[in-house]
Amino acid sequence: MSEKTVTKTEYNYLSQKPGVQLIKAGTYSKIELDGVLGQPALKSQIIDVPVTSNVSALQMGYFSMQPSEDFEFTYTFLEVKTVIKGKIIVRDDQGIKYVAEAGDVLIFTPDTTVIFDGESNGDAIYTGHRLPEPLFM
């Protein structure tokens, strides 16, 4: 993968003019995380969808994970993840396990490292105060 400097103007942000937008389920195809994270046995997918490039950048995305292996992720931004199907299981740096099922919401604050548990088998929608992550697009 080549190194590239990404700027706000390189994305098609959803928030470009006043009004309402409806995003139908299945509009965006998720990418596989196994290659992105270098964990071939991982069964997890993600896609970032840029919402706005304002000072308080906001993006949304879709996340799925099937039973496979654990992976670690450090949140350097605020993210709210709502489980819409199945369950997403995470552990914090104290080893506390959180099992979020359909309808539950996980809130990750900046500078939080979690382990996404390989027992997870679910889908979620998330929003985060950050610019889109090029690896997840």
N, C-alpha and C. Protein backbone atom coordinates (compact mmCIF):
# COMPACT_ATOMS: atom_id res chain seq x y z
N MET A 1 0.84 -1.16 0.00
CA MET A 1 0.00 0.00 0.00
C MET A 1 0.89 1.24 0.00
N SER A 2 0.59 2.18 -0.85
CA SER A 2 1.43 3.37 -0.95
C SER A 2 1.01 4.42 0.07
N GLU A 3 1.98 5.16 0.57
CA GLU A 3 1.71 6.25 1.50
C GLU A 3 1.11 7.40 0.72
N LYS A 4 0.12 8.07 1.30
CA LYS A 4 -0.55 9.16 0.61
C LYS A 4 -1.07 10.14 1.64
N THR A 5 -0.88 11.41 1.40
CA THR A 5 -1.42 12.43 2.26
C THR A 5 -2.85 12.71 1.81
N VAL A 6 -3.77 12.60 2.74
CA VAL A 6 -5.17 12.78 2.41
C VAL A 6 -5.65 14.12 2.95
N THR A 7 -6.35 14.84 2.13
CA THR A 7 -6.92 16.11 2.55
C THR A 7 -8.44 16.01 2.53
N LYS A 8 -9.09 16.94 3.20
CA LYS A 8 -10.54 16.94 3.30
C LYS A 8 -11.22 16.99 1.93
N THR A 9 -10.63 17.66 0.99
CA THR A 9 -11.30 17.89 -0.30
C THR A 9 -11.29 16.67 -1.21
N GLU A 10 -10.60 15.61 -0.85
CA GLU A 10 -10.53 14.42 -1.70
C GLU A 10 -11.73 13.49 -1.55
N TYR A 11 -12.66 13.79 -0.65
CA TYR A 11 -13.80 12.91 -0.40
C TYR A 11 -15.09 13.54 -0.89
N ASN A 12 -16.05 12.70 -1.18
CA ASN A 12 -17.40 13.15 -1.49
C ASN A 12 -18.20 13.10 -0.18
N TYR A 13 -18.28 14.24 0.51
CA TYR A 13 -18.96 14.30 1.79
C TYR A 13 -20.47 14.29 1.58
N LEU A 14 -21.19 13.61 2.48
CA LEU A 14 -22.64 13.56 2.38
C LEU A 14 -23.28 14.92 2.63
N SER A 15 -22.71 15.67 3.56
CA SER A 15 -23.27 16.97 3.93
C SER A 15 -22.72 18.06 3.03
N GLN A 16 -23.36 18.28 1.88
CA GLN A 16 -22.90 19.29 0.93
C GLN A 16 -23.88 20.43 0.76
N LYS A 17 -25.15 20.19 1.09
CA LYS A 17 -26.17 21.24 0.97
C LYS A 17 -27.29 20.94 1.95
N PRO A 18 -28.09 21.95 2.29
CA PRO A 18 -29.20 21.71 3.23
C PRO A 18 -30.18 20.69 2.67
N GLY A 19 -30.81 19.94 3.56
CA GLY A 19 -31.82 18.99 3.14
C GLY A 19 -31.71 17.67 3.88
N VAL A 20 -32.51 16.72 3.45
CA VAL A 20 -32.57 15.39 4.04
C VAL A 20 -31.96 14.40 3.07
N GLN A 21 -31.22 13.45 3.59
CA GLN A 21 -30.66 12.38 2.77
C GLN A 21 -31.04 11.05 3.39
N LEU A 22 -31.45 10.12 2.56
CA LEU A 22 -31.77 8.77 3.01
C LEU A 22 -30.73 7.83 2.42
N ILE A 23 -30.08 7.08 3.30
CA ILE A 23 -29.09 6.09 2.86
C ILE A 23 -29.71 4.73 3.07
N LYS A 24 -30.01 4.06 2.00
CA LYS A 24 -30.66 2.75 2.08
C LYS A 24 -29.64 1.68 2.49
N ALA A 25 -30.12 0.71 3.24
CA ALA A 25 -29.28 -0.42 3.65
C ALA A 25 -28.66 -1.05 2.41
N GLY A 26 -27.37 -1.36 2.50
CA GLY A 26 -26.67 -1.99 1.39
C GLY A 26 -26.08 -1.03 0.38
N THR A 27 -26.23 0.27 0.61
CA THR A 27 -25.70 1.26 -0.33
C THR A 27 -24.18 1.16 -0.44
N TYR A 28 -23.52 0.92 0.67
CA TYR A 28 -22.06 0.88 0.69
C TYR A 28 -21.56 -0.55 0.89
N SER A 29 -20.55 -0.93 0.14
CA SER A 29 -19.92 -2.24 0.31
C SER A 29 -18.74 -2.11 1.26
N LYS A 30 -18.70 -2.96 2.28
CA LYS A 30 -17.63 -2.93 3.26
C LYS A 30 -16.38 -3.61 2.71
N ILE A 31 -15.22 -3.20 3.23
CA ILE A 31 -13.95 -3.83 2.86
C ILE A 31 -13.55 -4.82 3.96
N GLU A 32 -12.78 -5.81 3.59
CA GLU A 32 -12.30 -6.82 4.54
C GLU A 32 -11.16 -6.24 5.38
N LEU A 33 -11.20 -6.45 6.69
CA LEU A 33 -10.15 -5.95 7.58
C LEU A 33 -8.96 -6.89 7.69
N ASP A 34 -9.09 -8.13 7.26
CA ASP A 34 -7.99 -9.08 7.41
C ASP A 34 -6.71 -8.57 6.76
N GLY A 35 -6.79 -8.11 5.52
CA GLY A 35 -5.61 -7.60 4.82
C GLY A 35 -5.15 -6.26 5.34
N VAL A 36 -6.11 -5.38 5.69
CA VAL A 36 -5.78 -4.04 6.20
C VAL A 36 -5.01 -4.13 7.51
N LEU A 37 -5.44 -5.05 8.38
CA LEU A 37 -4.79 -5.18 9.70
C LEU A 37 -3.71 -6.25 9.72
N GLY A 38 -3.53 -6.96 8.61
CA GLY A 38 -2.50 -8.00 8.55
C GLY A 38 -2.81 -9.20 9.43
N GLN A 39 -4.10 -9.53 9.56
CA GLN A 39 -4.53 -10.69 10.34
C GLN A 39 -5.37 -11.58 9.43
N PRO A 40 -4.73 -12.49 8.69
CA PRO A 40 -5.43 -13.30 7.68
C PRO A 40 -6.63 -14.09 8.20
N ALA A 41 -6.63 -14.48 9.47
CA ALA A 41 -7.75 -15.28 10.00
C ALA A 41 -8.92 -14.42 10.48
N LEU A 42 -8.75 -13.09 10.47
CA LEU A 42 -9.79 -12.20 10.95
C LEU A 42 -10.95 -12.15 9.96
N LYS A 43 -12.16 -12.22 10.49
CA LYS A 43 -13.36 -12.11 9.66
C LYS A 43 -14.13 -10.89 10.14
N SER A 44 -13.80 -9.73 9.57
CA SER A 44 -14.42 -8.48 9.98
C SER A 44 -14.38 -7.52 8.81
N GLN A 45 -15.42 -6.69 8.68
CA GLN A 45 -15.51 -5.76 7.56
C GLN A 45 -15.89 -4.37 8.07
N ILE A 46 -15.51 -3.34 7.26
CA ILE A 46 -15.79 -1.95 7.65
C ILE A 46 -15.85 -1.09 6.40
N ILE A 47 -16.56 0.03 6.51
CA ILE A 47 -16.50 1.06 5.47
C ILE A 47 -16.78 2.40 6.14
N ASP A 48 -15.92 3.38 5.89
CA ASP A 48 -16.13 4.75 6.36
C ASP A 48 -16.93 5.51 5.30
N VAL A 49 -17.86 6.33 5.75
CA VAL A 49 -18.65 7.17 4.86
C VAL A 49 -18.52 8.61 5.35
N PRO A 50 -17.77 9.47 4.63
CA PRO A 50 -17.55 10.84 5.07
C PRO A 50 -18.85 11.65 5.12
N VAL A 51 -19.09 12.31 6.25
CA VAL A 51 -20.30 13.12 6.41
C VAL A 51 -19.99 14.59 6.22
N THR A 52 -19.00 15.12 6.96
CA THR A 52 -18.67 16.53 6.85
C THR A 52 -17.18 16.74 7.09
N SER A 53 -16.65 17.80 6.51
CA SER A 53 -15.24 18.14 6.70
C SER A 53 -15.09 19.39 7.56
N ASN A 54 -16.16 19.83 8.19
CA ASN A 54 -16.09 21.01 9.05
C ASN A 54 -15.07 20.81 10.15
N VAL A 55 -14.84 21.86 10.95
CA VAL A 55 -13.86 21.81 12.03
C VAL A 55 -14.10 20.57 12.90
N SER A 56 -15.33 20.27 13.20
CA SER A 56 -15.66 19.07 13.97
C SER A 56 -16.04 17.97 12.99
N ALA A 57 -15.06 17.46 12.28
CA ALA A 57 -15.31 16.45 11.25
C ALA A 57 -16.16 15.32 11.82
N LEU A 58 -17.04 14.82 10.99
CA LEU A 58 -17.91 13.71 11.37
C LEU A 58 -18.00 12.75 10.20
N GLN A 59 -17.91 11.50 10.52
CA GLN A 59 -18.10 10.48 9.50
C GLN A 59 -18.93 9.37 10.11
N MET A 60 -19.50 8.57 9.25
CA MET A 60 -20.27 7.41 9.71
C MET A 60 -19.72 6.19 9.01
N GLY A 61 -20.16 5.04 9.43
CA GLY A 61 -19.70 3.83 8.77
C GLY A 61 -20.48 2.62 9.21
N TYR A 62 -20.15 1.54 8.56
CA TYR A 62 -20.76 0.24 8.83
C TYR A 62 -19.66 -0.72 9.23
N PHE A 63 -19.94 -1.56 10.23
CA PHE A 63 -18.95 -2.49 10.75
C PHE A 63 -19.61 -3.85 10.96
N SER A 64 -18.92 -4.90 10.57
CA SER A 64 -19.40 -6.27 10.81
C SER A 64 -18.24 -7.10 11.32
N MET A 65 -18.57 -8.11 12.10
CA MET A 65 -17.55 -9.05 12.55
C MET A 65 -18.19 -10.42 12.71
N GLN A 66 -17.49 -11.42 12.21
CA GLN A 66 -17.93 -12.81 12.34
C GLN A 66 -16.94 -13.53 13.27
N PRO A 67 -17.37 -14.65 13.87
CA PRO A 67 -16.47 -15.38 14.75
C PRO A 67 -15.14 -15.68 14.05
N SER A 68 -14.04 -15.24 14.66
CA SER A 68 -12.71 -15.45 14.09
C SER A 68 -11.67 -15.22 15.17
N GLU A 69 -10.90 -14.15 15.07
CA GLU A 69 -9.87 -13.89 16.07
C GLU A 69 -10.03 -12.48 16.61
N ASP A 70 -9.45 -12.24 17.79
CA ASP A 70 -9.47 -10.93 18.43
C ASP A 70 -8.63 -9.95 17.63
N PHE A 71 -8.97 -8.65 17.73
CA PHE A 71 -8.06 -7.62 17.25
C PHE A 71 -8.17 -6.39 18.13
N GLU A 72 -7.05 -5.68 18.24
CA GLU A 72 -6.96 -4.50 19.09
C GLU A 72 -7.14 -3.24 18.26
N PHE A 73 -7.81 -2.24 18.86
CA PHE A 73 -7.97 -0.95 18.19
C PHE A 73 -7.92 0.14 19.24
N THR A 74 -7.17 1.22 18.97
CA THR A 74 -7.11 2.37 19.87
C THR A 74 -7.89 3.53 19.27
N TYR A 75 -8.87 4.00 20.01
CA TYR A 75 -9.68 5.14 19.58
C TYR A 75 -8.99 6.42 20.03
N THR A 76 -8.65 7.27 19.07
CA THR A 76 -8.06 8.58 19.37
C THR A 76 -9.10 9.66 19.15
N PHE A 77 -10.35 9.27 19.01
CA PHE A 77 -11.47 10.15 18.71
C PHE A 77 -12.71 9.57 19.39
N LEU A 78 -13.77 10.35 19.46
CA LEU A 78 -15.04 9.88 20.00
C LEU A 78 -15.79 9.10 18.94
N GLU A 79 -16.26 7.90 19.29
CA GLU A 79 -17.07 7.12 18.35
C GLU A 79 -18.25 6.52 19.09
N VAL A 80 -19.40 6.52 18.41
CA VAL A 80 -20.61 5.89 18.92
C VAL A 80 -20.98 4.78 17.95
N LYS A 81 -21.05 3.55 18.45
CA LYS A 81 -21.32 2.38 17.61
C LYS A 81 -22.62 1.74 18.10
N THR A 82 -23.62 1.63 17.21
CA THR A 82 -24.90 1.02 17.54
C THR A 82 -25.00 -0.34 16.87
N VAL A 83 -25.19 -1.37 17.67
CA VAL A 83 -25.32 -2.73 17.15
C VAL A 83 -26.74 -2.88 16.58
N ILE A 84 -26.81 -3.32 15.33
CA ILE A 84 -28.12 -3.46 14.68
C ILE A 84 -28.51 -4.92 14.47
N LYS A 85 -27.55 -5.82 14.62
CA LYS A 85 -27.83 -7.25 14.42
C LYS A 85 -26.76 -8.06 15.16
N GLY A 86 -27.16 -9.13 15.82
CA GLY A 86 -26.20 -10.00 16.48
C GLY A 86 -25.58 -9.35 17.71
N LYS A 87 -24.27 -9.60 17.89
CA LYS A 87 -23.58 -9.04 19.05
C LYS A 87 -22.14 -8.68 18.69
N ILE A 88 -21.66 -7.60 19.29
CA ILE A 88 -20.27 -7.16 19.19
C ILE A 88 -19.73 -7.17 20.62
N ILE A 89 -18.62 -7.89 20.81
CA ILE A 89 -18.04 -8.03 22.15
C ILE A 89 -16.68 -7.33 22.17
N VAL A 90 -16.48 -6.45 23.16
CA VAL A 90 -15.19 -5.78 23.32
C VAL A 90 -14.73 -5.93 24.77
N ARG A 91 -13.40 -5.84 24.94
CA ARG A 91 -12.80 -5.82 26.26
C ARG A 91 -11.94 -4.57 26.37
N ASP A 92 -12.00 -3.91 27.53
CA ASP A 92 -11.16 -2.72 27.72
C ASP A 92 -9.80 -3.13 28.27
N ASP A 93 -8.96 -2.12 28.55
CA ASP A 93 -7.60 -2.41 29.00
C ASP A 93 -7.56 -2.97 30.43
N GLN A 94 -8.70 -2.99 31.12
CA GLN A 94 -8.80 -3.60 32.44
C GLN A 94 -9.32 -5.03 32.35
N GLY A 95 -9.62 -5.46 31.10
CA GLY A 95 -10.13 -6.81 30.91
C GLY A 95 -11.64 -6.94 31.07
N ILE A 96 -12.31 -5.80 31.28
CA ILE A 96 -13.78 -5.84 31.43
C ILE A 96 -14.40 -6.10 30.07
N LYS A 97 -15.30 -7.08 30.04
CA LYS A 97 -15.95 -7.50 28.80
C LYS A 97 -17.31 -6.81 28.66
N TYR A 98 -17.56 -6.26 27.48
CA TYR A 98 -18.83 -5.61 27.18
C TYR A 98 -19.47 -6.36 26.01
N VAL A 99 -20.68 -6.87 26.23
CA VAL A 99 -21.40 -7.60 25.19
C VAL A 99 -22.55 -6.70 24.73
N ALA A 100 -22.42 -6.15 23.54
CA ALA A 100 -23.46 -5.27 22.98
C ALA A 100 -24.27 -6.06 21.96
N GLU A 101 -25.59 -6.09 22.18
CA GLU A 101 -26.48 -6.82 21.30
C GLU A 101 -27.36 -5.83 20.54
N ALA A 102 -28.12 -6.33 19.58
CA ALA A 102 -28.96 -5.48 18.73
C ALA A 102 -29.72 -4.46 19.56
N GLY A 103 -29.56 -3.18 19.19
CA GLY A 103 -30.19 -2.08 19.91
C GLY A 103 -29.30 -1.42 20.94
N ASP A 104 -28.20 -2.08 21.34
CA ASP A 104 -27.27 -1.51 22.32
C ASP A 104 -26.29 -0.56 21.64
N VAL A 105 -25.77 0.38 22.42
CA VAL A 105 -24.84 1.38 21.92
C VAL A 105 -23.54 1.32 22.72
N LEU A 106 -22.41 1.30 22.00
CA LEU A 106 -21.09 1.38 22.61
C LEU A 106 -20.54 2.78 22.36
N ILE A 107 -20.00 3.42 23.38
CA ILE A 107 -19.37 4.73 23.22
C ILE A 107 -17.90 4.58 23.57
N PHE A 108 -17.04 4.93 22.61
CA PHE A 108 -15.60 4.87 22.80
C PHE A 108 -15.07 6.30 22.85
N THR A 109 -14.40 6.65 23.94
CA THR A 109 -13.85 7.99 24.09
C THR A 109 -12.39 8.01 23.67
N PRO A 110 -11.86 9.21 23.37
CA PRO A 110 -10.47 9.30 22.91
C PRO A 110 -9.48 8.65 23.88
N ASP A 111 -8.44 8.08 23.27
CA ASP A 111 -7.34 7.43 23.98
C ASP A 111 -7.79 6.18 24.74
N THR A 112 -8.71 5.43 24.13
CA THR A 112 -9.20 4.17 24.69
C THR A 112 -8.79 3.04 23.75
N THR A 113 -8.13 2.04 24.33
CA THR A 113 -7.75 0.86 23.56
C THR A 113 -8.67 -0.28 23.95
N VAL A 114 -9.24 -0.95 22.95
CA VAL A 114 -10.12 -2.09 23.20
C VAL A 114 -9.69 -3.27 22.35
N ILE A 115 -10.12 -4.43 22.79
CA ILE A 115 -9.95 -5.67 22.03
C ILE A 115 -11.33 -6.05 21.51
N PHE A 116 -11.47 -6.18 20.20
CA PHE A 116 -12.70 -6.71 19.63
C PHE A 116 -12.57 -8.22 19.70
N ASP A 117 -13.49 -8.84 20.42
CA ASP A 117 -13.43 -10.26 20.74
C ASP A 117 -13.81 -11.11 19.53
N GLY A 118 -13.06 -12.17 19.29
CA GLY A 118 -13.30 -13.08 18.19
C GLY A 118 -14.63 -13.82 18.28
N GLU A 119 -15.30 -13.75 19.44
CA GLU A 119 -16.63 -14.35 19.59
C GLU A 119 -17.71 -13.48 18.93
N SER A 120 -17.36 -12.25 18.56
CA SER A 120 -18.35 -11.34 17.99
C SER A 120 -18.98 -11.94 16.74
N ASN A 121 -20.25 -11.63 16.56
CA ASN A 121 -20.96 -12.06 15.37
C ASN A 121 -22.11 -11.08 15.17
N GLY A 122 -21.80 -9.91 14.61
CA GLY A 122 -22.84 -8.90 14.49
C GLY A 122 -22.49 -7.78 13.53
N ASP A 123 -23.46 -6.90 13.36
CA ASP A 123 -23.33 -5.73 12.50
C ASP A 123 -23.63 -4.48 13.31
N ALA A 124 -22.94 -3.38 12.97
CA ALA A 124 -23.14 -2.12 13.67
C ALA A 124 -23.03 -0.96 12.69
N ILE A 125 -23.62 0.14 13.08
CA ILE A 125 -23.48 1.43 12.39
C ILE A 125 -22.77 2.34 13.38
N TYR A 126 -21.82 3.15 12.89
CA TYR A 126 -21.10 4.02 13.81
C TYR A 126 -20.95 5.43 13.25
N THR A 127 -20.74 6.38 14.16
CA THR A 127 -20.36 7.74 13.80
C THR A 127 -19.15 8.10 14.64
N GLY A 128 -18.24 8.87 14.05
CA GLY A 128 -17.03 9.25 14.76
C GLY A 128 -16.63 10.67 14.45
N HIS A 129 -16.10 11.36 15.44
CA HIS A 129 -15.59 12.72 15.26
C HIS A 129 -14.16 12.64 14.73
N ARG A 130 -14.07 12.42 13.42
CA ARG A 130 -12.77 12.33 12.75
C ARG A 130 -12.99 12.41 11.26
N LEU A 131 -11.91 12.62 10.55
CA LEU A 131 -11.96 12.51 9.10
C LEU A 131 -11.98 11.02 8.74
N PRO A 132 -12.40 10.67 7.55
CA PRO A 132 -12.42 9.25 7.16
C PRO A 132 -11.03 8.63 7.22
N GLU A 133 -10.97 7.37 7.54
CA GLU A 133 -9.72 6.63 7.56
C GLU A 133 -9.53 6.00 6.18
N PRO A 134 -8.51 6.44 5.43
CA PRO A 134 -8.29 5.92 4.08
C PRO A 134 -8.20 4.40 4.02
N LEU A 135 -7.65 3.76 5.06
CA LEU A 135 -7.55 2.29 5.07
C LEU A 135 -8.92 1.63 5.10
N PHE A 136 -9.92 2.36 5.59
CA PHE A 136 -11.26 1.79 5.74
C PHE A 136 -12.20 2.20 4.62
N MET A 137 -11.64 2.67 3.53
CA MET A 137 -12.49 3.11 2.42
C MET A 137 -12.19 2.31 1.16
